[in-house]
């Protein structure tokens, strides 16, 4: 069994509250809707897990296994989606809702009234020098939608990927199989959120602090899951 090591350019160790933790990414095959995420976790992470470990899994990996990846060619954006997408702030870390296809899926996932309210609040917020109101109002479903980027692995470089369905229940199902705590995370190089946790006792804020520099990487690492282990 190959030893787990950090991804290139990423730190394996991080210190939180005076305690050091290892973050060990795990390489897998490209997960698709033909896979069961429980089986994938058991196959790739199971042999490496030790007492006290927490398994963290990318929300995109989970979503792709749930048939939540939709090809761009199958999405027909309405005029409203085209208009709204033009006013989304672009960042170098992801498209977000900045293209008509991702905005269209946000309208479908969250409902048109909520997205329109979020857009209105965003305009008001910017007038007062406050950013981020759109996603506060639109909610986690909107924030979890990913579009293709230059570094996205095929076939997902042609897809919009929605957030995972029932992330808490999914994390609990994986944990029951592996006998270890599991979290489902939405990470990028700007930070992250915990979308699902296998049990309520898991401190989500602590998990974000341990993973804040995104040890899984944002490019072609093909490591959609990893282990948090006390050093």
Protein backbone atom coordinates (compact mmCIF):
# COMPACT_ATOMS: atom_id res chain seq x y z
CA UNK A 1 0.00 0.00 0.00
CA UNK A 2 1.50 3.32 -1.11
CA UNK A 3 2.19 5.90 1.58
CA UNK A 4 0.02 9.01 1.47
CA UNK A 5 1.82 12.29 0.87
CA UNK A 6 0.79 15.90 0.37
CA UNK A 7 0.04 17.31 -3.07
CA UNK A 8 2.74 19.35 -4.78
CA UNK A 9 2.80 22.90 -3.49
CA UNK A 10 0.60 22.03 -0.52
CA UNK A 11 1.55 21.70 3.14
CA UNK A 12 0.86 18.39 4.82
CA UNK A 13 0.91 19.88 8.33
CA UNK A 14 -1.17 22.64 9.86
CA UNK A 15 -1.37 23.85 13.45
CA UNK A 16 -4.75 24.67 14.96
CA UNK A 17 -5.12 25.71 18.60
CA UNK A 18 -1.57 24.57 19.33
CA UNK A 19 -2.08 21.08 17.87
CA UNK A 20 -0.53 19.86 14.60
CA UNK A 21 -2.57 17.85 12.11
CA UNK A 22 -1.64 16.01 8.94
CA UNK A 23 -3.85 16.40 5.85
CA UNK A 24 -3.32 13.39 3.60
CA UNK A 25 -4.93 13.55 0.13
CA UNK A 26 -6.04 10.30 -1.51
CA UNK A 27 -5.94 9.76 -5.26
CA UNK A 28 -8.85 7.95 -6.92
CA UNK A 29 -10.10 7.20 -10.40
CA UNK A 30 -12.34 9.85 -11.96
CA UNK A 31 -15.61 9.34 -10.10
CA UNK A 32 -18.78 9.31 -12.21
CA UNK A 33 -22.46 8.54 -11.81
CA UNK A 34 -21.60 4.88 -12.37
CA UNK A 35 -19.91 4.86 -8.93
CA UNK A 36 -21.32 4.47 -5.43
CA UNK A 37 -19.52 7.02 -3.26
CA UNK A 38 -19.59 4.62 -0.30
CA UNK A 39 -17.74 2.00 -2.32
CA UNK A 40 -15.24 4.57 -3.60
CA UNK A 41 -14.48 5.72 -0.06
CA UNK A 42 -14.11 2.14 1.14
CA UNK A 43 -11.82 1.20 -1.74
CA UNK A 44 -9.45 4.14 -1.61
CA UNK A 45 -9.62 5.54 1.94
CA UNK A 46 -10.53 2.41 3.90
CA UNK A 47 -7.05 0.80 3.84
CA UNK A 48 -5.41 4.00 5.12
CA UNK A 49 -7.74 4.95 7.98
CA UNK A 50 -6.51 4.80 11.57
CA UNK A 51 -8.15 5.40 14.95
CA UNK A 52 -9.11 9.04 15.37
CA UNK A 53 -8.95 9.87 11.65
CA UNK A 54 -11.57 12.01 9.92
CA UNK A 55 -12.23 11.39 6.24
CA UNK A 56 -13.02 14.49 4.18
CA UNK A 57 -14.51 14.24 0.69
CA UNK A 58 -14.95 16.89 -1.99
CA UNK A 59 -18.56 17.88 -2.54
CA UNK A 60 -17.96 17.72 -6.30
CA UNK A 61 -16.92 14.08 -6.07
CA UNK A 62 -20.04 13.22 -4.11
CA UNK A 63 -22.29 15.20 -6.44
CA UNK A 64 -20.86 13.54 -9.55
CA UNK A 65 -21.67 10.13 -8.10
CA UNK A 66 -25.25 11.32 -7.55
CA UNK A 67 -25.91 12.26 -11.18
CA UNK A 68 -25.63 15.95 -10.26
CA UNK A 69 -23.27 16.80 -13.14
CA UNK A 70 -25.12 18.23 -16.14
CA UNK A 71 -23.46 18.72 -19.52
CA UNK A 72 -23.42 22.32 -20.76
CA UNK A 73 -25.02 21.24 -24.04
CA UNK A 74 -28.06 20.00 -22.12
CA UNK A 75 -28.67 23.31 -20.34
CA UNK A 76 -30.77 25.94 -22.11
CA UNK A 77 -30.31 29.23 -20.24
CA UNK A 78 -33.25 31.61 -20.25
CA UNK A 79 -32.72 35.33 -20.95
CA UNK A 80 -32.85 36.09 -17.24
CA UNK A 81 -29.93 33.72 -16.60
CA UNK A 82 -27.90 35.38 -19.34
CA UNK A 83 -28.61 38.84 -17.90
CA UNK A 84 -27.87 37.94 -14.27
CA UNK A 85 -24.67 36.04 -15.09
CA UNK A 86 -23.17 39.19 -16.63
CA UNK A 87 -23.25 40.89 -13.25
CA UNK A 88 -21.53 38.16 -11.23
CA UNK A 89 -18.08 39.05 -9.89
CA UNK A 90 -15.49 36.79 -11.52
CA UNK A 91 -12.60 35.35 -9.47
CA UNK A 92 -9.56 33.31 -10.55
CA UNK A 93 -10.72 30.42 -8.35
CA UNK A 94 -13.89 29.41 -10.15
CA UNK A 95 -16.69 30.45 -12.46
CA UNK A 96 -19.46 30.24 -9.88
CA UNK A 97 -22.63 31.68 -11.38
CA UNK A 98 -20.69 33.79 -13.86
CA UNK A 99 -21.89 31.99 -16.99
CA UNK A 100 -25.50 31.60 -18.21
CA UNK A 101 -25.49 27.81 -17.70
CA UNK A 102 -24.54 27.94 -14.01
CA UNK A 103 -26.97 30.80 -13.37
CA UNK A 104 -29.74 28.83 -15.09
CA UNK A 105 -29.11 25.90 -12.76
CA UNK A 106 -29.20 28.26 -9.77
CA UNK A 107 -32.60 29.51 -10.92
CA UNK A 108 -33.79 25.91 -11.17
CA UNK A 109 -32.24 24.74 -7.89
CA UNK A 110 -33.18 27.72 -5.71
CA UNK A 111 -36.20 29.14 -7.49
CA UNK A 112 -36.44 32.33 -9.54
CA UNK A 113 -37.91 34.51 -6.74
CA UNK A 114 -35.05 33.68 -4.37
CA UNK A 115 -32.35 34.36 -6.97
CA UNK A 116 -34.00 37.66 -7.92
CA UNK A 117 -34.16 38.64 -4.25
CA UNK A 118 -30.51 37.67 -3.84
CA UNK A 119 -29.56 39.79 -6.86
CA UNK A 120 -31.48 42.77 -5.47
CA UNK A 121 -29.81 42.41 -2.06
CA UNK A 122 -26.44 42.16 -3.77
CA UNK A 123 -26.99 45.50 -5.52
CA UNK A 124 -28.03 47.14 -2.25
CA UNK A 125 -25.06 45.62 -0.45
CA UNK A 126 -22.60 46.94 -3.01
CA UNK A 127 -24.04 50.45 -2.60
CA UNK A 128 -23.00 50.24 1.05
CA UNK A 129 -19.63 48.66 0.26
CA UNK A 130 -20.72 45.20 1.42
CA UNK A 131 -20.11 42.11 -0.68
CA UNK A 132 -21.35 38.55 -0.39
CA UNK A 133 -25.03 39.33 0.17
CA UNK A 134 -26.04 37.40 -2.96
CA UNK A 135 -24.91 34.04 -1.61
CA UNK A 136 -26.16 34.80 1.89
CA UNK A 137 -29.67 35.23 0.47
CA UNK A 138 -29.45 32.65 -2.33
CA UNK A 139 -28.16 30.01 0.09
CA UNK A 140 -25.79 27.08 0.04
CA UNK A 141 -27.37 25.44 -3.01
CA UNK A 142 -26.40 28.39 -5.16
CA UNK A 143 -22.92 28.69 -3.69
CA UNK A 144 -22.23 25.00 -4.32
CA UNK A 145 -22.80 25.15 -8.07
CA UNK A 146 -19.55 24.76 -10.02
CA UNK A 147 -18.87 25.46 -13.66
CA UNK A 148 -16.01 24.18 -15.80
CA UNK A 149 -12.58 25.78 -15.51
CA UNK A 150 -9.38 25.23 -17.53
CA UNK A 151 -8.11 22.79 -14.89
CA UNK A 152 -11.33 20.79 -14.55
CA UNK A 153 -10.84 17.08 -15.25
CA UNK A 154 -12.73 15.58 -18.23
CA UNK A 155 -15.59 14.97 -18.64
CA UNK A 156 -16.46 17.64 -16.06
CA UNK A 157 -14.76 20.35 -18.11
CA UNK A 158 -18.00 20.23 -20.11
CA UNK A 159 -20.38 20.17 -17.14
CA UNK A 160 -22.10 22.22 -14.50
CA UNK A 161 -21.92 20.36 -11.19
CA UNK A 162 -24.58 21.01 -8.57
CA UNK A 163 -24.05 20.64 -4.85
CA UNK A 164 -24.47 17.15 -3.40
CA UNK A 165 -27.90 15.91 -2.37
CA UNK A 166 -28.42 15.19 1.36
CA UNK A 167 -24.76 15.73 2.34
CA UNK A 168 -25.30 14.95 6.05
CA UNK A 169 -27.07 11.67 5.27
CA UNK A 170 -24.43 10.78 2.68
CA UNK A 171 -21.61 11.45 5.14
CA UNK A 172 -23.39 9.33 7.76
CA UNK A 173 -23.79 6.46 5.30
CA UNK A 174 -20.08 6.48 4.45
CA UNK A 175 -19.15 6.71 8.13
CA UNK A 176 -21.34 3.73 8.98
CA UNK A 177 -19.48 1.67 6.39
CA UNK A 178 -15.97 2.78 7.37
CA UNK A 179 -16.34 3.23 11.12
CA UNK A 180 -14.80 6.72 11.01
CA UNK A 181 -16.13 10.28 11.07
CA UNK A 182 -16.77 11.76 7.63
CA UNK A 183 -17.26 15.29 6.35
CA UNK A 184 -18.20 16.55 2.89
CA UNK A 185 -16.42 19.77 2.07
CA UNK A 186 -16.61 22.59 -0.45
CA UNK A 187 -13.05 23.90 -0.71
CA UNK A 188 -11.18 26.29 -2.93
CA UNK A 189 -8.02 28.30 -2.51
CA UNK A 190 -10.00 31.12 -0.87
CA UNK A 191 -11.47 28.98 1.92
CA UNK A 192 -14.24 26.48 2.38
CA UNK A 193 -17.45 25.24 3.96
CA UNK A 194 -18.55 21.97 5.49
CA UNK A 195 -21.66 20.86 3.62
CA UNK A 196 -22.17 17.56 5.40
CA UNK A 197 -21.02 15.81 8.56
CA UNK A 198 -21.64 12.25 9.67
CA UNK A 199 -22.60 13.29 13.19
CA UNK A 200 -23.70 16.52 14.91
CA UNK A 201 -20.75 16.45 17.33
CA UNK A 202 -18.29 17.29 14.54
CA UNK A 203 -17.05 20.87 14.92
CA UNK A 204 -17.51 22.30 11.43
CA UNK A 205 -15.69 25.54 12.19
CA UNK A 206 -12.67 23.56 13.40
CA UNK A 207 -12.74 21.44 10.24
CA UNK A 208 -12.69 24.57 8.07
CA UNK A 209 -9.69 25.88 10.01
CA UNK A 210 -7.82 22.60 9.52
CA UNK A 211 -8.55 22.54 5.78
CA UNK A 212 -8.57 26.28 5.02
CA UNK A 213 -5.60 26.13 2.60
CA UNK A 214 -7.28 23.40 0.53
CA UNK A 215 -4.86 20.45 0.73
CA UNK A 216 -6.76 18.66 -2.05
CA UNK A 217 -5.68 21.25 -4.61
CA UNK A 218 -7.55 23.05 -7.38
CA UNK A 219 -5.94 21.56 -10.47
CA UNK A 220 -5.39 18.08 -11.89
CA UNK A 221 -4.36 16.32 -8.66
CA UNK A 222 -7.30 13.87 -8.88
CA UNK A 223 -7.44 13.66 -5.07
CA UNK A 224 -11.12 14.21 -4.20
CA UNK A 225 -10.77 12.91 -0.64
CA UNK A 226 -8.30 12.94 2.20
CA UNK A 227 -7.63 12.18 5.84
CA UNK A 228 -7.26 14.53 8.80
CA UNK A 229 -4.91 12.91 11.33
CA UNK A 230 -3.38 14.29 14.50
CA UNK A 231 0.37 14.53 13.96
